[in-house]
Amino acid sequence: MNNTVIRKFTVSAAYQPLSAKSREVASVEISTPPTNAAVVYFQGDDGSDVPWVPGEYHSFKRINLSAVKVKGTPGDTVTIVGGTW
């Protein structure tokens, strides 16, 4: 079964996963909207902070959203659009 993933995630000052589920795999475009006040930090695979500027986006195939962690200026957002196909 295919499911659509359309989500707006509000970031906080501490790292949080993009999915509360223990495993949620989907092919999606993740973006930091241009209206954000500051960069959003994604946690790199080595634990480093990877900044995404407002307006940045990337496409991912079959990514586990619960493994992607973000932080930034409280109130800024990350959007996720795609599905489980």
Protein backbone atom coordinates (compact mmCIF):
# COMPACT_ATOMS: atom_id res chain seq x y z
CA MET A 1 0.00 0.00 0.00
CA ASN A 2 1.25 3.48 -0.88
CA ASN A 3 0.83 6.38 1.51
CA THR A 4 1.32 10.07 0.93
CA VAL A 5 3.59 11.95 3.32
CA ILE A 6 2.85 15.68 3.58
CA ARG A 7 4.12 17.21 6.78
CA LYS A 8 5.18 20.49 8.35
CA PHE A 9 7.57 19.99 11.27
CA THR A 10 8.32 22.80 13.74
CA VAL A 11 11.91 22.74 14.98
CA SER A 12 13.12 23.35 18.52
CA ALA A 13 16.49 24.22 20.07
CA ALA A 14 17.24 20.52 20.70
CA TYR A 15 17.57 17.76 18.12
CA GLN A 16 14.31 15.92 17.35
CA PRO A 17 13.57 13.20 14.76
CA LEU A 18 11.33 14.06 11.79
CA SER A 19 9.09 11.09 12.70
CA ALA A 20 7.85 9.91 16.09
CA LYS A 21 7.48 6.39 14.69
CA SER A 22 10.35 3.99 15.35
CA ARG A 23 10.68 3.43 11.59
CA GLU A 24 9.04 5.42 8.80
CA VAL A 25 10.62 4.91 5.38
CA ALA A 26 9.54 7.11 2.48
CA SER A 27 10.82 8.82 -0.66
CA VAL A 28 10.50 12.53 0.05
CA GLU A 29 11.68 16.05 -0.61
CA ILE A 30 12.77 17.73 2.61
CA SER A 31 12.96 21.53 2.63
CA THR A 32 13.58 24.46 4.92
CA PRO A 33 11.14 27.15 3.76
CA PRO A 34 12.51 30.55 2.71
CA THR A 35 10.38 32.18 5.42
CA ASN A 36 12.50 30.62 8.20
CA ALA A 37 14.34 33.13 10.42
CA ALA A 38 17.63 31.21 10.47
CA VAL A 39 19.39 28.03 9.35
CA VAL A 40 18.06 24.64 10.42
CA TYR A 41 20.67 22.14 11.56
CA PHE A 42 20.47 18.51 10.51
CA GLN A 43 22.49 16.04 12.57
CA GLY A 44 25.14 14.48 10.35
CA ASP A 45 25.97 10.78 10.46
CA ASP A 46 29.08 11.68 12.50
CA GLY A 47 27.06 13.83 14.95
CA SER A 48 28.08 17.14 13.39
CA ASP A 49 25.71 20.06 12.74
CA VAL A 50 24.88 20.36 9.02
CA PRO A 51 23.25 23.76 8.31
CA TRP A 52 20.51 24.17 5.73
CA VAL A 53 19.79 27.77 4.77
CA PRO A 54 16.20 29.01 4.39
CA GLY A 55 14.94 27.85 0.99
CA GLU A 56 17.23 24.80 0.77
CA TYR A 57 15.74 21.44 -0.26
CA HIS A 58 16.90 17.96 -1.18
CA SER A 59 15.23 14.79 -2.48
CA PHE A 60 15.72 11.44 -0.76
CA LYS A 61 14.73 7.94 -1.86
CA ARG A 62 13.68 5.47 0.83
CA ILE A 63 14.93 7.44 3.83
CA ASN A 64 14.01 6.53 7.40
CA LEU A 65 12.49 9.79 8.67
CA SER A 66 12.89 8.73 12.32
CA ALA A 67 16.69 8.68 11.77
CA VAL A 68 16.76 12.29 10.49
CA LYS A 69 17.20 14.74 13.38
CA VAL A 70 16.88 18.52 13.18
CA LYS A 71 17.19 21.56 15.44
CA GLY A 72 17.20 25.30 15.00
CA THR A 73 15.41 28.47 15.91
CA PRO A 74 12.18 27.53 17.72
CA GLY A 75 9.24 28.21 15.42
CA ASP A 76 11.14 27.66 12.16
CA THR A 77 9.91 24.72 10.10
CA VAL A 78 10.91 21.83 7.88
CA THR A 79 8.51 20.51 5.24
CA ILE A 80 8.37 16.92 4.06
CA VAL A 81 6.52 15.92 0.88
CA GLY A 82 6.53 12.51 -0.79
CA GLY A 83 5.27 9.02 -0.13
CA THR A 84 5.94 5.35 0.48
CA TRP A 85 6.11 4.23 -3.15
